[in-house]
């Protein structure tokens, strides 16, 4: 087993169970991409078992802080089973669920979402890449899912020295999957949609928005950066009768319109606008348009810390325009 030794004082983050070690913290040692290594403090104390990534600034991603634990097939079976057991306790009102959430589940660089009987996995680290086959086998075994699709096409893979990869790992067939969420249905494109196909993290917010629209009697709603119209469906479900969905993606807007039909809402109560949100907000202001509620769910404006100031201005601008 190869050993990576850290500089004096650089062990503090691992002692706090933070799973990342940056290149500048390493005093000595090298390994192959994704290889499991022993991480020691300068005085020889064991700190963690981790995966080595020679291309990334995040040079180590910890698998375990227990010296007696072995990183093998059984390890991944345990971690995956534990993550799925936690999700099962949540009683989520949808068959679209995030099963594995990377470092939060002790599986750095691995995201897995379930859409009905289909799993979608995204691998973004050399750590998870090294164990791809084992992970796929254990996911299918633990979940009972019929299909597993890979969406390892995030740009961050390049920072790990990994090429993008997409396609079926297990099963085949259509890449459009219909899921249930609350009382609604959504069609998810797992091959071409954003992320793994759908923004599952907004599930509760969509339901809360329905409640707010109903409680306050909102009738006219503007949904900006609408993607496939999740918040538009939520608004219609709350009783809104004039919903405008704005996005710069024509295919996403077509799917938003399809979702209105799929959920049995009156198409006359919904319209789409293929346009830039900032320009649209300014045009609406110039025309004196007013809305009862506006949804702003913008994309990531800051790909790195170097863009933070510009991103802060952009976020401020869209909120100012909406108000």
Protein backbone atom coordinates (compact mmCIF):
# COMPACT_ATOMS: atom_id res chain seq x y z
CA UNK A 1 0.00 0.00 0.00
CA UNK A 2 1.41 3.38 -1.03
CA UNK A 3 1.72 6.08 1.62
CA UNK A 4 1.08 9.80 1.23
CA UNK A 5 2.55 11.99 3.97
CA UNK A 6 1.23 15.46 4.71
CA UNK A 7 3.14 18.58 5.73
CA UNK A 8 3.12 19.55 9.40
CA UNK A 9 -0.21 21.06 10.41
CA UNK A 10 -2.01 20.00 7.23
CA UNK A 11 -3.71 17.07 8.94
CA UNK A 12 -6.23 19.30 10.72
CA UNK A 13 -8.93 19.07 8.05
CA UNK A 14 -8.78 15.27 7.98
CA UNK A 15 -8.95 15.16 11.77
CA UNK A 16 -12.19 17.14 11.43
CA UNK A 17 -13.34 14.49 8.91
CA UNK A 18 -13.21 16.82 5.90
CA UNK A 19 -12.60 14.42 2.98
CA UNK A 20 -10.39 16.60 0.73
CA UNK A 21 -6.63 17.12 0.72
CA UNK A 22 -5.15 19.67 -1.67
CA UNK A 23 -1.90 19.29 -3.58
CA UNK A 24 -0.11 21.90 -1.47
CA UNK A 25 -0.69 19.84 1.69
CA UNK A 26 1.29 16.82 0.49
CA UNK A 27 4.90 16.43 1.64
CA UNK A 28 5.68 13.15 -0.13
CA UNK A 29 4.22 10.23 -2.02
CA UNK A 30 2.57 9.53 -5.36
CA UNK A 31 0.16 6.97 -6.79
CA UNK A 32 -1.82 6.11 -9.90
CA UNK A 33 -5.12 7.78 -10.74
CA UNK A 34 -7.82 6.60 -8.33
CA UNK A 35 -5.47 4.29 -6.43
CA UNK A 36 -6.22 3.80 -2.74
CA UNK A 37 -3.44 5.14 -0.51
CA UNK A 38 -2.73 5.41 3.20
CA UNK A 39 -2.58 9.04 4.34
CA UNK A 40 -0.25 9.77 7.26
CA UNK A 41 0.56 12.85 9.29
CA UNK A 42 4.19 13.97 9.30
CA UNK A 43 4.78 12.02 12.51
CA UNK A 44 3.49 8.78 10.94
CA UNK A 45 0.01 8.79 12.47
CA UNK A 46 -2.72 7.25 10.33
CA UNK A 47 -5.24 9.81 9.07
CA UNK A 48 -7.32 8.19 6.33
CA UNK A 49 -7.62 5.83 3.42
CA UNK A 50 -8.02 7.96 0.31
CA UNK A 51 -8.04 7.91 -3.48
CA UNK A 52 -5.18 9.69 -5.24
CA UNK A 53 -5.81 11.99 -8.21
CA UNK A 54 -2.58 13.13 -9.93
CA UNK A 55 -4.36 15.63 -12.21
CA UNK A 56 -6.53 17.43 -9.67
CA UNK A 57 -5.79 20.22 -7.23
CA UNK A 58 -7.84 18.07 -4.85
CA UNK A 59 -5.11 15.46 -4.77
CA UNK A 60 -6.76 13.14 -2.22
CA UNK A 61 -10.40 12.26 -1.50
CA UNK A 62 -10.90 10.27 1.67
CA UNK A 63 -12.82 7.00 1.61
CA UNK A 64 -12.53 6.18 5.30
CA UNK A 65 -11.02 7.52 8.52
CA UNK A 66 -10.97 4.08 10.15
CA UNK A 67 -7.57 2.38 9.95
CA UNK A 68 -9.10 -1.10 10.23
CA UNK A 69 -11.45 -0.57 7.28
CA UNK A 70 -10.48 -1.97 3.88
CA UNK A 71 -11.45 -0.29 0.63
CA UNK A 72 -12.79 -3.22 -1.37
CA UNK A 73 -16.02 -4.50 -2.93
CA UNK A 74 -17.57 -5.04 0.49
CA UNK A 75 -16.81 -1.43 1.44
CA UNK A 76 -18.81 -0.10 -1.51
CA UNK A 77 -21.64 -2.53 -0.84
CA UNK A 78 -21.89 -1.19 2.73
CA UNK A 79 -21.73 2.48 1.76
CA UNK A 80 -24.34 2.12 -0.98
CA UNK A 81 -26.67 0.06 1.22
CA UNK A 82 -26.38 2.64 4.00
CA UNK A 83 -27.18 5.54 1.66
CA UNK A 84 -30.24 3.79 0.25
CA UNK A 85 -31.47 2.88 3.73
CA UNK A 86 -31.30 6.54 4.76
CA UNK A 87 -33.36 7.60 1.72
CA UNK A 88 -35.95 4.95 2.48
CA UNK A 89 -36.57 6.50 5.91
CA UNK A 90 -37.42 9.88 4.37
CA UNK A 91 -40.67 8.74 2.73
CA UNK A 92 -40.15 11.08 -0.22
CA UNK A 93 -43.33 11.80 -2.20
CA UNK A 94 -41.78 10.99 -5.55
CA UNK A 95 -40.14 8.18 -7.48
CA UNK A 96 -37.48 10.68 -8.53
CA UNK A 97 -34.95 10.56 -5.68
CA UNK A 98 -31.26 11.28 -5.13
CA UNK A 99 -29.85 8.01 -3.79
CA UNK A 100 -26.15 8.88 -3.54
CA UNK A 101 -24.88 12.39 -2.82
CA UNK A 102 -21.11 12.17 -3.12
CA UNK A 103 -19.07 13.10 -0.07
CA UNK A 104 -22.21 13.36 2.08
CA UNK A 105 -22.59 9.58 1.70
CA UNK A 106 -18.88 8.82 1.97
CA UNK A 107 -18.61 8.24 -1.80
CA UNK A 108 -16.68 11.24 -3.17
CA UNK A 109 -17.35 12.14 -6.78
CA UNK A 110 -20.43 9.92 -7.16
CA UNK A 111 -23.99 11.15 -7.66
CA UNK A 112 -26.82 8.72 -8.33
CA UNK A 113 -30.44 9.67 -8.97
CA UNK A 114 -33.34 7.27 -9.31
CA UNK A 115 -36.11 7.93 -11.83
CA UNK A 116 -38.65 5.14 -11.47
CA UNK A 117 -36.92 1.88 -12.39
CA UNK A 118 -33.92 3.71 -13.89
CA UNK A 119 -30.76 4.87 -12.12
CA UNK A 120 -28.62 7.69 -13.49
CA UNK A 121 -25.03 7.87 -12.22
CA UNK A 122 -22.58 10.72 -12.58
CA UNK A 123 -18.92 10.06 -11.77
CA UNK A 124 -16.78 13.18 -11.36
CA UNK A 125 -13.68 11.96 -9.52
CA UNK A 126 -10.77 9.63 -10.17
CA UNK A 127 -11.76 8.00 -6.89
CA UNK A 128 -15.17 6.80 -8.09
CA UNK A 129 -13.88 6.17 -11.62
CA UNK A 130 -11.44 3.56 -10.34
CA UNK A 131 -14.31 1.57 -8.79
CA UNK A 132 -16.87 2.19 -11.54
CA UNK A 133 -17.63 -1.47 -12.24
CA UNK A 134 -18.01 -2.41 -8.59
CA UNK A 135 -20.18 0.63 -7.93
CA UNK A 136 -22.48 -0.23 -10.85
CA UNK A 137 -22.89 -3.82 -9.68
CA UNK A 138 -23.66 -2.83 -6.09
CA UNK A 139 -26.07 -0.06 -7.13
CA UNK A 140 -28.17 -2.43 -9.20
CA UNK A 141 -28.09 -5.10 -6.50
CA UNK A 142 -29.05 -2.78 -3.64
CA UNK A 143 -31.69 -0.74 -5.48
CA UNK A 144 -33.39 -3.45 -7.53
CA UNK A 145 -33.48 -1.01 -10.46
CA UNK A 146 -33.81 -2.44 -13.96
CA UNK A 147 -31.54 0.03 -15.74
CA UNK A 148 -28.45 2.14 -15.09
CA UNK A 149 -27.46 5.07 -17.31
CA UNK A 150 -24.20 7.00 -16.97
CA UNK A 151 -24.11 10.80 -17.28
CA UNK A 152 -20.43 11.38 -16.57
CA UNK A 153 -20.26 14.45 -18.80
CA UNK A 154 -19.73 17.23 -16.25
CA UNK A 155 -16.85 19.56 -17.12
CA UNK A 156 -15.22 18.93 -13.72
CA UNK A 157 -14.13 15.50 -14.99
CA UNK A 158 -11.50 17.30 -17.05
CA UNK A 159 -9.90 18.59 -13.84
CA UNK A 160 -9.53 14.96 -12.76
CA UNK A 161 -7.91 13.97 -16.05
CA UNK A 162 -11.03 12.06 -17.09
CA UNK A 163 -12.78 12.14 -20.45
CA UNK A 164 -16.58 12.49 -20.57
CA UNK A 165 -18.61 9.30 -20.86
CA UNK A 166 -22.34 8.68 -21.27
CA UNK A 167 -24.51 5.70 -22.10
CA UNK A 168 -26.13 2.59 -20.71
CA UNK A 169 -24.18 0.56 -18.17
CA UNK A 170 -27.07 -1.85 -17.65
CA UNK A 171 -30.29 -2.15 -19.63
CA UNK A 172 -31.27 -0.09 -22.65
CA UNK A 173 -34.27 1.56 -24.27
CA UNK A 174 -35.83 5.00 -24.14
CA UNK A 175 -34.00 7.75 -22.27
CA UNK A 176 -37.22 9.63 -21.53
CA UNK A 177 -38.64 8.57 -18.17
CA UNK A 178 -41.89 9.78 -16.59
CA UNK A 179 -41.75 10.27 -12.82
CA UNK A 180 -44.35 11.16 -10.22
CA UNK A 181 -43.81 14.07 -7.83
CA UNK A 182 -46.52 14.92 -5.33
CA UNK A 183 -49.68 14.83 -7.48
CA UNK A 184 -47.84 15.72 -10.69
CA UNK A 185 -45.96 13.93 -13.44
CA UNK A 186 -42.80 15.03 -15.21
CA UNK A 187 -40.98 13.58 -18.19
CA UNK A 188 -37.23 13.47 -17.59
CA UNK A 189 -34.66 13.21 -20.39
CA UNK A 190 -31.81 11.38 -18.67
CA UNK A 191 -29.55 11.57 -21.73
CA UNK A 192 -29.86 15.24 -22.68
CA UNK A 193 -31.39 17.01 -19.69
CA UNK A 194 -29.51 19.21 -17.24
CA UNK A 195 -27.41 17.37 -14.64
CA UNK A 196 -28.93 13.87 -14.53
CA UNK A 197 -32.14 15.12 -16.16
CA UNK A 198 -34.16 16.96 -13.51
CA UNK A 199 -33.69 19.28 -10.52
CA UNK A 200 -34.73 16.93 -7.75
CA UNK A 201 -33.40 19.34 -5.11
CA UNK A 202 -36.32 21.71 -5.80
CA UNK A 203 -39.00 19.10 -5.02
CA UNK A 204 -40.04 20.59 -1.68
CA UNK A 205 -39.79 24.15 -2.98
CA UNK A 206 -42.18 23.32 -5.81
CA UNK A 207 -44.73 22.07 -3.30
CA UNK A 208 -44.20 25.09 -1.04
CA UNK A 209 -44.70 27.38 -4.03
CA UNK A 210 -48.01 25.69 -4.82
CA UNK A 211 -49.12 26.32 -1.24
CA UNK A 212 -48.02 29.97 -1.41
CA UNK A 213 -49.80 30.60 -4.71
CA UNK A 214 -52.98 29.10 -3.26
CA UNK A 215 -52.71 30.85 0.12
CA UNK A 216 -52.12 34.33 -1.27
CA UNK A 217 -54.40 34.00 -4.27
CA UNK A 218 -51.67 34.62 -6.81
CA UNK A 219 -53.06 34.48 -10.33
CA UNK A 220 -50.31 35.94 -12.50
CA UNK A 221 -46.92 34.20 -12.20
CA UNK A 222 -43.62 34.68 -14.03
CA UNK A 223 -41.23 31.71 -13.97
CA UNK A 224 -37.71 32.77 -15.02
CA UNK A 225 -34.99 30.27 -16.01
CA UNK A 226 -37.90 27.83 -16.03
CA UNK A 227 -36.09 24.82 -17.62
CA UNK A 228 -38.89 22.25 -18.16
CA UNK A 229 -41.46 24.16 -16.14
CA UNK A 230 -41.47 22.54 -12.72
CA UNK A 231 -42.41 25.76 -10.92
CA UNK A 232 -44.92 26.59 -13.66
CA UNK A 233 -46.75 23.33 -12.93
CA UNK A 234 -46.57 24.18 -9.22
CA UNK A 235 -48.13 27.60 -9.92
CA UNK A 236 -50.94 26.13 -12.01
CA UNK A 237 -51.59 23.55 -9.30
CA UNK A 238 -51.98 26.40 -6.82
CA UNK A 239 -54.65 28.08 -8.93
CA UNK A 240 -52.65 30.52 -11.08
CA UNK A 241 -54.44 31.34 -14.33
CA UNK A 242 -51.74 33.32 -16.16
CA UNK A 243 -48.30 31.68 -16.02
CA UNK A 244 -45.38 32.77 -18.21
CA UNK A 245 -42.34 30.46 -18.47
CA UNK A 246 -39.10 32.09 -19.67
CA UNK A 247 -35.97 30.25 -20.77
CA UNK A 248 -33.36 30.50 -23.52
CA UNK A 249 -33.69 26.80 -24.41
CA UNK A 250 -36.32 25.99 -27.00
CA UNK A 251 -36.34 22.24 -26.23
CA UNK A 252 -36.80 22.93 -22.50
CA UNK A 253 -39.77 25.18 -23.24
CA UNK A 254 -41.32 22.52 -25.46
CA UNK A 255 -41.04 20.11 -22.55
CA UNK A 256 -42.62 22.70 -20.23
CA UNK A 257 -45.60 22.88 -22.58
CA UNK A 258 -45.76 19.08 -22.64
CA UNK A 259 -45.81 19.06 -18.83
CA UNK A 260 -48.83 21.36 -18.81
CA UNK A 261 -50.68 18.87 -21.00
CA UNK A 262 -49.36 15.83 -19.12
CA UNK A 263 -50.78 17.21 -15.87
CA UNK A 264 -54.15 18.14 -17.34
CA UNK A 265 -53.90 21.92 -17.01
CA UNK A 266 -55.53 24.34 -19.44
CA UNK A 267 -52.95 25.40 -22.05
CA UNK A 268 -54.66 28.80 -22.22
CA UNK A 269 -53.35 29.51 -18.72
CA UNK A 270 -49.70 29.04 -19.69
CA UNK A 271 -47.36 30.53 -22.26
CA UNK A 272 -43.65 30.15 -22.96
CA UNK A 273 -41.11 32.76 -23.96
CA UNK A 274 -37.82 31.75 -25.60
CA UNK A 275 -35.67 34.69 -24.51
CA UNK A 276 -32.89 36.05 -22.31
CA UNK A 277 -34.25 36.59 -18.80
CA UNK A 278 -32.45 39.89 -18.11
CA UNK A 279 -33.69 41.38 -21.36
CA UNK A 280 -37.18 40.02 -20.76
CA UNK A 281 -37.38 41.54 -17.27
CA UNK A 282 -36.34 44.93 -18.65
CA UNK A 283 -38.91 44.69 -21.45
CA UNK A 284 -41.65 43.80 -18.97
CA UNK A 285 -40.71 46.78 -16.79
CA UNK A 286 -40.80 49.10 -19.82
CA UNK A 287 -44.29 47.82 -20.68
CA UNK A 288 -45.51 48.29 -17.11
CA UNK A 289 -46.23 44.59 -16.62
CA UNK A 290 -46.87 43.34 -13.09
CA UNK A 291 -46.98 39.83 -11.60
CA UNK A 292 -48.25 38.44 -8.33
CA UNK A 293 -45.22 36.14 -7.98
CA UNK A 294 -41.89 35.76 -9.77
CA UNK A 295 -39.68 32.68 -9.64
CA UNK A 296 -35.93 33.18 -10.14
CA UNK A 297 -33.95 29.94 -10.41
CA UNK A 298 -30.83 31.03 -12.33
CA UNK A 299 -27.96 28.86 -13.49
CA UNK A 300 -24.53 28.93 -11.90
CA UNK A 301 -22.95 32.33 -12.63
CA UNK A 302 -19.60 31.59 -10.93
CA UNK A 303 -17.73 28.54 -12.27
CA UNK A 304 -14.82 29.41 -9.97
CA UNK A 305 -13.86 31.83 -7.20
CA UNK A 306 -12.32 34.13 -9.81
CA UNK A 307 -15.83 34.83 -11.14
CA UNK A 308 -17.43 35.47 -7.73
CA UNK A 309 -17.58 39.27 -7.95
CA UNK A 310 -19.09 39.27 -11.42
CA UNK A 311 -21.56 36.56 -10.39
CA UNK A 312 -22.63 38.56 -7.32
CA UNK A 313 -23.44 41.51 -9.58
CA UNK A 314 -25.42 39.27 -11.92
CA UNK A 315 -27.47 37.79 -9.07
CA UNK A 316 -28.10 41.27 -7.69
CA UNK A 317 -29.21 42.54 -11.10
CA UNK A 318 -31.82 39.86 -11.73
CA UNK A 319 -33.27 40.26 -8.23
CA UNK A 320 -33.36 44.05 -8.62
CA UNK A 321 -35.13 43.76 -11.96
CA UNK A 322 -37.66 41.29 -10.56
CA UNK A 323 -38.51 43.62 -7.66
